[in-house]
Amino acid sequence: MRTTITIEDDVLQRARTVSSNLKKPFRLIINSALRLGLEQVEKPSKRKTYTTKPKPMGLKQGYEIDNIHELLDRIDEEGSR
């Protein structure tokens, strides 16, 4: 089947170079490249799921979470030392 498409210059040159190097017809190279490319487009990329392992942090001894303002003040004081 014949159709008209616009191929960017760098892609066209690369296809011609591959065709010449492999001594295969240009149309065969283009069709092969399109098949491979379409397979890649159809496949979802395989990504590993990012997971973290929670660890209990707790509070330093002597700190209580009952009065958050006091806790924040104490933390600020320690940070400025």
N, C-alpha and C. Protein backbone atom coordinates (compact mmCIF):
# COMPACT_ATOMS: atom_id res chain seq x y z
N MET A 1 0.85 -1.17 0.00
CA MET A 1 0.00 0.00 0.00
C MET A 1 0.90 1.23 0.00
N ARG A 2 0.55 2.18 -0.78
CA ARG A 2 1.31 3.42 -0.85
C ARG A 2 0.62 4.48 -0.02
N THR A 3 1.45 5.27 0.67
CA THR A 3 0.93 6.40 1.43
C THR A 3 2.04 7.45 1.49
N THR A 4 1.66 8.66 1.80
CA THR A 4 2.64 9.74 1.90
C THR A 4 2.76 10.15 3.35
N ILE A 5 4.01 10.17 3.83
CA ILE A 5 4.28 10.63 5.19
C ILE A 5 5.45 11.60 5.15
N THR A 6 5.57 12.40 6.17
CA THR A 6 6.70 13.31 6.28
C THR A 6 7.68 12.73 7.29
N ILE A 7 8.90 12.50 6.83
CA ILE A 7 9.96 11.96 7.68
C ILE A 7 10.99 13.06 7.89
N GLU A 8 11.36 13.27 9.13
CA GLU A 8 12.34 14.31 9.43
C GLU A 8 13.69 13.93 8.83
N ASP A 9 14.47 14.97 8.49
CA ASP A 9 15.72 14.78 7.76
C ASP A 9 16.69 13.82 8.45
N ASP A 10 16.84 13.95 9.78
CA ASP A 10 17.80 13.10 10.48
C ASP A 10 17.37 11.63 10.45
N VAL A 11 16.07 11.38 10.53
CA VAL A 11 15.56 10.01 10.49
C VAL A 11 15.72 9.43 9.08
N LEU A 12 15.44 10.24 8.10
CA LEU A 12 15.59 9.81 6.70
C LEU A 12 17.04 9.45 6.41
N GLN A 13 17.96 10.29 6.83
CA GLN A 13 19.38 10.03 6.58
C GLN A 13 19.83 8.76 7.29
N ARG A 14 19.37 8.59 8.51
CA ARG A 14 19.75 7.38 9.26
C ARG A 14 19.21 6.13 8.58
N ALA A 15 17.97 6.18 8.12
CA ALA A 15 17.38 5.03 7.42
C ALA A 15 18.12 4.73 6.14
N ARG A 16 18.51 5.76 5.42
CA ARG A 16 19.28 5.55 4.19
C ARG A 16 20.65 4.93 4.48
N THR A 17 21.27 5.39 5.56
CA THR A 17 22.58 4.85 5.95
C THR A 17 22.46 3.38 6.33
N VAL A 18 21.45 3.05 7.11
CA VAL A 18 21.22 1.65 7.51
C VAL A 18 20.95 0.80 6.27
N SER A 19 20.13 1.30 5.38
CA SER A 19 19.81 0.59 4.15
C SER A 19 21.08 0.31 3.34
N SER A 20 21.93 1.31 3.26
CA SER A 20 23.18 1.15 2.51
C SER A 20 24.13 0.17 3.20
N ASN A 21 24.27 0.32 4.52
CA ASN A 21 25.18 -0.55 5.27
C ASN A 21 24.75 -2.01 5.23
N LEU A 22 23.46 -2.25 5.31
CA LEU A 22 22.95 -3.62 5.32
C LEU A 22 22.67 -4.15 3.92
N LYS A 23 22.81 -3.26 2.94
CA LYS A 23 22.55 -3.62 1.54
C LYS A 23 21.15 -4.24 1.38
N LYS A 24 20.19 -3.55 2.00
CA LYS A 24 18.79 -3.98 1.93
C LYS A 24 17.97 -2.81 1.39
N PRO A 25 16.83 -3.11 0.77
CA PRO A 25 16.00 -2.03 0.22
C PRO A 25 15.53 -1.05 1.29
N PHE A 26 15.47 0.19 0.90
CA PHE A 26 15.06 1.27 1.80
C PHE A 26 13.68 0.99 2.41
N ARG A 27 12.73 0.54 1.57
CA ARG A 27 11.38 0.28 2.05
C ARG A 27 11.38 -0.82 3.12
N LEU A 28 12.25 -1.81 2.98
CA LEU A 28 12.34 -2.89 3.97
C LEU A 28 12.84 -2.34 5.31
N ILE A 29 13.82 -1.46 5.25
CA ILE A 29 14.36 -0.84 6.47
C ILE A 29 13.27 -0.01 7.16
N ILE A 30 12.57 0.80 6.40
CA ILE A 30 11.51 1.65 6.96
C ILE A 30 10.41 0.79 7.60
N ASN A 31 9.96 -0.25 6.90
CA ASN A 31 8.90 -1.11 7.43
C ASN A 31 9.37 -1.83 8.70
N SER A 32 10.60 -2.32 8.70
CA SER A 32 11.13 -3.01 9.89
C SER A 32 11.22 -2.05 11.07
N ALA A 33 11.72 -0.85 10.81
CA ALA A 33 11.84 0.14 11.88
C ALA A 33 10.47 0.53 12.43
N LEU A 34 9.50 0.69 11.57
CA LEU A 34 8.14 1.02 12.02
C LEU A 34 7.54 -0.11 12.86
N ARG A 35 7.75 -1.34 12.43
CA ARG A 35 7.22 -2.48 13.20
C ARG A 35 7.83 -2.50 14.60
N LEU A 36 9.16 -2.38 14.66
CA LEU A 36 9.83 -2.37 15.96
C LEU A 36 9.37 -1.20 16.82
N GLY A 37 9.28 -0.05 16.21
CA GLY A 37 8.86 1.14 16.95
C GLY A 37 7.43 1.03 17.46
N LEU A 38 6.55 0.50 16.66
CA LEU A 38 5.15 0.35 17.07
C LEU A 38 5.02 -0.67 18.20
N GLU A 39 5.84 -1.73 18.17
CA GLU A 39 5.83 -2.69 19.28
C GLU A 39 6.22 -2.00 20.58
N GLN A 40 7.22 -1.14 20.53
CA GLN A 40 7.67 -0.43 21.72
C GLN A 40 6.61 0.55 22.22
N VAL A 41 5.92 1.20 21.31
CA VAL A 41 4.89 2.16 21.68
C VAL A 41 3.72 1.45 22.36
N GLU A 42 3.39 0.26 21.87
CA GLU A 42 2.26 -0.48 22.42
C GLU A 42 2.55 -1.08 23.80
N LYS A 43 3.81 -1.40 24.06
CA LYS A 43 4.16 -2.02 25.35
C LYS A 43 4.30 -0.94 26.41
N PRO A 44 3.67 -1.15 27.56
CA PRO A 44 3.91 -0.20 28.66
C PRO A 44 5.32 -0.41 29.19
N SER A 45 5.94 0.67 29.62
CA SER A 45 7.29 0.54 30.14
C SER A 45 7.26 -0.20 31.47
N LYS A 46 8.27 -1.03 31.68
CA LYS A 46 8.35 -1.81 32.91
C LYS A 46 9.11 -1.00 33.94
N ARG A 47 8.39 -0.54 34.93
CA ARG A 47 9.01 0.24 36.00
C ARG A 47 8.84 -0.50 37.30
N LYS A 48 9.87 -0.46 38.09
CA LYS A 48 9.76 -1.05 39.41
C LYS A 48 8.95 -0.11 40.29
N THR A 49 8.10 -0.71 41.10
CA THR A 49 7.30 0.08 42.02
C THR A 49 8.21 0.55 43.15
N TYR A 50 8.17 1.83 43.42
CA TYR A 50 8.98 2.40 44.49
C TYR A 50 8.26 2.21 45.81
N THR A 51 8.94 1.56 46.74
CA THR A 51 8.35 1.35 48.05
C THR A 51 9.33 1.76 49.13
N THR A 52 8.80 2.15 50.25
CA THR A 52 9.63 2.47 51.41
C THR A 52 9.16 1.62 52.56
N LYS A 53 10.08 1.36 53.47
CA LYS A 53 9.73 0.60 54.65
C LYS A 53 9.63 1.55 55.83
N PRO A 54 8.45 1.65 56.42
CA PRO A 54 8.30 2.55 57.56
C PRO A 54 9.06 2.03 58.78
N LYS A 55 9.59 2.96 59.54
CA LYS A 55 10.27 2.61 60.77
C LYS A 55 9.71 3.47 61.89
N PRO A 56 9.49 2.87 63.04
CA PRO A 56 8.98 3.68 64.16
C PRO A 56 10.03 4.68 64.59
N MET A 57 9.65 5.94 64.68
CA MET A 57 10.60 6.98 65.04
C MET A 57 10.48 7.34 66.52
N GLY A 58 9.24 7.47 66.97
CA GLY A 58 9.03 7.81 68.37
C GLY A 58 9.57 9.18 68.72
N LEU A 59 9.45 9.52 69.98
CA LEU A 59 9.96 10.80 70.48
C LEU A 59 11.13 10.53 71.41
N LYS A 60 12.02 11.51 71.51
CA LYS A 60 13.12 11.40 72.47
C LYS A 60 12.53 11.33 73.88
N GLN A 61 13.25 10.67 74.73
CA GLN A 61 12.80 10.56 76.11
C GLN A 61 12.70 11.96 76.72
N GLY A 62 11.63 12.20 77.45
CA GLY A 62 11.41 13.50 78.07
C GLY A 62 10.52 14.42 77.24
N TYR A 63 10.22 14.03 76.02
CA TYR A 63 9.35 14.82 75.16
C TYR A 63 7.97 14.19 75.17
N GLU A 64 6.96 15.05 75.12
CA GLU A 64 5.59 14.55 75.06
C GLU A 64 4.86 15.26 73.93
N ILE A 65 3.96 14.55 73.33
CA ILE A 65 3.23 15.12 72.20
C ILE A 65 1.93 15.78 72.63
N ASP A 66 1.63 15.72 73.90
CA ASP A 66 0.38 16.30 74.41
C ASP A 66 0.32 17.80 74.17
N ASN A 67 1.43 18.51 74.33
CA ASN A 67 1.46 19.95 74.12
C ASN A 67 2.39 20.23 72.94
N ILE A 68 1.81 20.31 71.76
CA ILE A 68 2.60 20.45 70.53
C ILE A 68 3.39 21.74 70.50
N HIS A 69 2.84 22.83 71.05
CA HIS A 69 3.55 24.11 71.04
C HIS A 69 4.83 24.02 71.87
N GLU A 70 4.74 23.40 73.01
CA GLU A 70 5.91 23.23 73.87
C GLU A 70 6.96 22.32 73.18
N LEU A 71 6.48 21.27 72.54
CA LEU A 71 7.38 20.37 71.83
C LEU A 71 8.12 21.11 70.71
N LEU A 72 7.40 21.90 69.94
CA LEU A 72 8.02 22.66 68.85
C LEU A 72 9.01 23.69 69.38
N ASP A 73 8.67 24.35 70.49
CA ASP A 73 9.60 25.30 71.09
C ASP A 73 10.90 24.62 71.52
N ARG A 74 10.78 23.45 72.13
CA ARG A 74 11.98 22.72 72.57
C ARG A 74 12.83 22.29 71.39
N ILE A 75 12.18 21.86 70.33
CA ILE A 75 12.92 21.45 69.12
C ILE A 75 13.64 22.65 68.52
N ASP A 76 12.96 23.80 68.45
CA ASP A 76 13.58 25.03 67.94
C ASP A 76 14.78 25.43 68.76
N GLU A 77 14.65 25.34 70.08
CA GLU A 77 15.77 25.69 70.97
C GLU A 77 16.97 24.78 70.71
N GLU A 78 16.74 23.49 70.53
CA GLU A 78 17.83 22.57 70.27
C GLU A 78 18.50 22.86 68.93
N GLY A 79 17.71 23.23 67.95
CA GLY A 79 18.25 23.51 66.63
C GLY A 79 19.11 24.76 66.58
N SER A 80 18.89 25.69 67.46
CA SER A 80 19.64 26.95 67.45
C SER A 80 20.94 26.83 68.26
N ARG A 81 21.16 25.73 68.93
CA ARG A 81 22.40 25.57 69.71
C ARG A 81 23.57 25.26 68.86
